[in-house]
């Protein structure tokens, strides 16, 4: 008996980095700690049975895209930072049909004892 695969997602959780994103001058000069989570859906079905990297998306390349976006320019808002990551993922990986990006600004300045401020967004490739 063969079972039908109904969905496949790739998730990468807790990509940690320092970025100079934020509305306030101190955030753009001193930097902030960020944690990024990615959840991708797409054409990964054949890789489940073939066990071939070229039939899926290399996780290290996804992490590199996040690091490249982080270094490319500074954002005033984490919303625009997350949106740029999502767009870069869909542009870079044709197998990816949908991406969810969660950006957490850890211990944001000026908010007291707050673990994070976060945005999570999802984007889907237009057909």
Protein backbone atom coordinates (compact mmCIF):
# COMPACT_ATOMS: atom_id res chain seq x y z
CA UNK A 1 0.00 0.00 0.00
CA UNK A 2 1.30 3.46 -0.94
CA UNK A 3 0.43 6.48 1.14
CA UNK A 4 -0.15 9.83 -0.53
CA UNK A 5 1.98 12.76 0.60
CA UNK A 6 -0.40 15.70 1.05
CA UNK A 7 1.92 18.47 2.11
CA UNK A 8 5.58 19.25 2.67
CA UNK A 9 7.08 22.25 4.43
CA UNK A 10 10.64 23.27 5.13
CA UNK A 11 11.12 25.15 8.39
CA UNK A 12 14.19 26.93 9.69
CA UNK A 13 13.85 28.35 13.16
CA UNK A 14 15.91 30.85 15.08
CA UNK A 15 18.33 32.33 12.54
CA UNK A 16 20.14 34.74 14.84
CA UNK A 17 21.80 37.89 13.60
CA UNK A 18 22.65 41.47 14.42
CA UNK A 19 20.98 44.08 12.23
CA UNK A 20 20.73 47.85 12.13
CA UNK A 21 16.98 47.96 11.57
CA UNK A 22 14.76 50.22 13.62
CA UNK A 23 13.02 53.53 13.74
CA UNK A 24 15.22 55.14 16.38
CA UNK A 25 18.75 56.42 15.75
CA UNK A 26 20.21 54.25 18.53
CA UNK A 27 18.84 51.12 16.87
CA UNK A 28 20.48 52.04 13.58
CA UNK A 29 23.86 52.84 15.17
CA UNK A 30 24.13 50.26 17.97
CA UNK A 31 22.17 47.51 16.24
CA UNK A 32 19.61 45.01 17.49
CA UNK A 33 19.54 41.25 17.89
CA UNK A 34 17.04 39.49 15.64
CA UNK A 35 15.71 35.96 15.35
CA UNK A 36 14.21 34.88 12.03
CA UNK A 37 11.96 31.88 11.38
CA UNK A 38 11.11 30.61 7.89
CA UNK A 39 8.37 28.21 6.79
CA UNK A 40 8.36 27.35 3.10
CA UNK A 41 5.86 25.35 1.08
CA UNK A 42 6.42 24.15 -2.44
CA UNK A 43 7.46 21.38 -4.76
CA UNK A 44 9.47 19.26 -2.34
CA UNK A 45 7.53 16.02 -2.88
CA UNK A 46 10.03 14.17 -5.07
CA UNK A 47 12.87 14.81 -2.63
CA UNK A 48 10.99 12.89 0.06
CA UNK A 49 11.42 9.66 -1.89
CA UNK A 50 14.53 10.42 -3.97
CA UNK A 51 16.65 11.76 -1.07
CA UNK A 52 18.34 14.14 -3.55
CA UNK A 53 19.29 17.66 -2.49
CA UNK A 54 18.79 19.07 -6.00
CA UNK A 55 15.08 18.18 -5.76
CA UNK A 56 14.48 20.39 -2.74
CA UNK A 57 15.85 23.64 -1.31
CA UNK A 58 19.21 23.68 0.45
CA UNK A 59 18.66 25.07 3.96
CA UNK A 60 22.07 26.73 3.96
CA UNK A 61 21.06 28.75 0.88
CA UNK A 62 17.87 29.90 2.63
CA UNK A 63 19.89 31.09 5.62
CA UNK A 64 22.31 32.86 3.29
CA UNK A 65 19.43 34.76 1.66
CA UNK A 66 18.36 36.03 5.10
CA UNK A 67 21.93 37.12 5.90
CA UNK A 68 22.27 38.84 2.50
CA UNK A 69 19.00 40.76 2.96
CA UNK A 70 20.10 41.77 6.47
CA UNK A 71 23.35 43.24 5.12
CA UNK A 72 21.93 44.81 1.96
CA UNK A 73 20.19 47.76 3.61
CA UNK A 74 18.74 48.95 6.90
CA UNK A 75 14.98 49.05 7.44
CA UNK A 76 13.08 51.41 9.69
CA UNK A 77 10.42 48.75 10.34
CA UNK A 78 10.64 45.01 10.92
CA UNK A 79 7.58 44.73 8.66
CA UNK A 80 9.56 45.89 5.62
CA UNK A 81 12.54 43.74 6.66
CA UNK A 82 10.31 40.64 6.76
CA UNK A 83 8.70 41.57 3.44
CA UNK A 84 12.08 41.91 1.74
CA UNK A 85 13.15 38.50 3.07
CA UNK A 86 9.94 36.92 1.73
CA UNK A 87 10.36 38.51 -1.70
CA UNK A 88 14.01 37.43 -1.89
CA UNK A 89 13.07 33.83 -1.01
CA UNK A 90 10.40 33.59 -3.71
CA UNK A 91 12.74 35.17 -6.25
CA UNK A 92 15.69 32.89 -5.42
CA UNK A 93 13.89 29.53 -5.13
CA UNK A 94 11.53 28.58 -7.99
CA UNK A 95 10.38 25.42 -6.14
CA UNK A 96 9.02 27.57 -3.32
CA UNK A 97 5.34 28.45 -3.73
CA UNK A 98 4.69 30.08 -0.35
CA UNK A 99 6.86 31.51 2.41
CA UNK A 100 6.08 32.58 5.96
CA UNK A 101 8.65 34.83 7.60
CA UNK A 102 8.70 35.70 11.30
CA UNK A 103 11.09 38.45 12.40
CA UNK A 104 11.63 38.94 16.12
CA UNK A 105 13.50 41.99 17.38
CA UNK A 106 14.89 40.63 20.66
CA UNK A 107 14.73 42.82 23.77
CA UNK A 108 13.78 45.95 21.82
CA UNK A 109 15.18 49.21 23.11
CA UNK A 110 12.88 51.42 25.15
CA UNK A 111 10.23 48.80 25.95
CA UNK A 112 11.54 47.62 29.31
CA UNK A 113 11.40 43.90 30.06
CA UNK A 114 9.98 42.70 26.75
CA UNK A 115 11.33 39.49 25.14
CA UNK A 116 10.61 40.60 21.59
CA UNK A 117 8.58 42.61 19.14
CA UNK A 118 7.65 40.52 16.11
CA UNK A 119 5.98 40.42 12.73
CA UNK A 120 4.93 37.30 10.86
CA UNK A 121 3.84 37.49 7.25
CA UNK A 122 3.11 35.05 4.45
CA UNK A 123 3.56 35.56 0.74
CA UNK A 124 2.60 33.31 -2.13
CA UNK A 125 3.99 33.16 -5.63
CA UNK A 126 1.62 34.65 -8.19
CA UNK A 127 0.72 32.19 -10.93
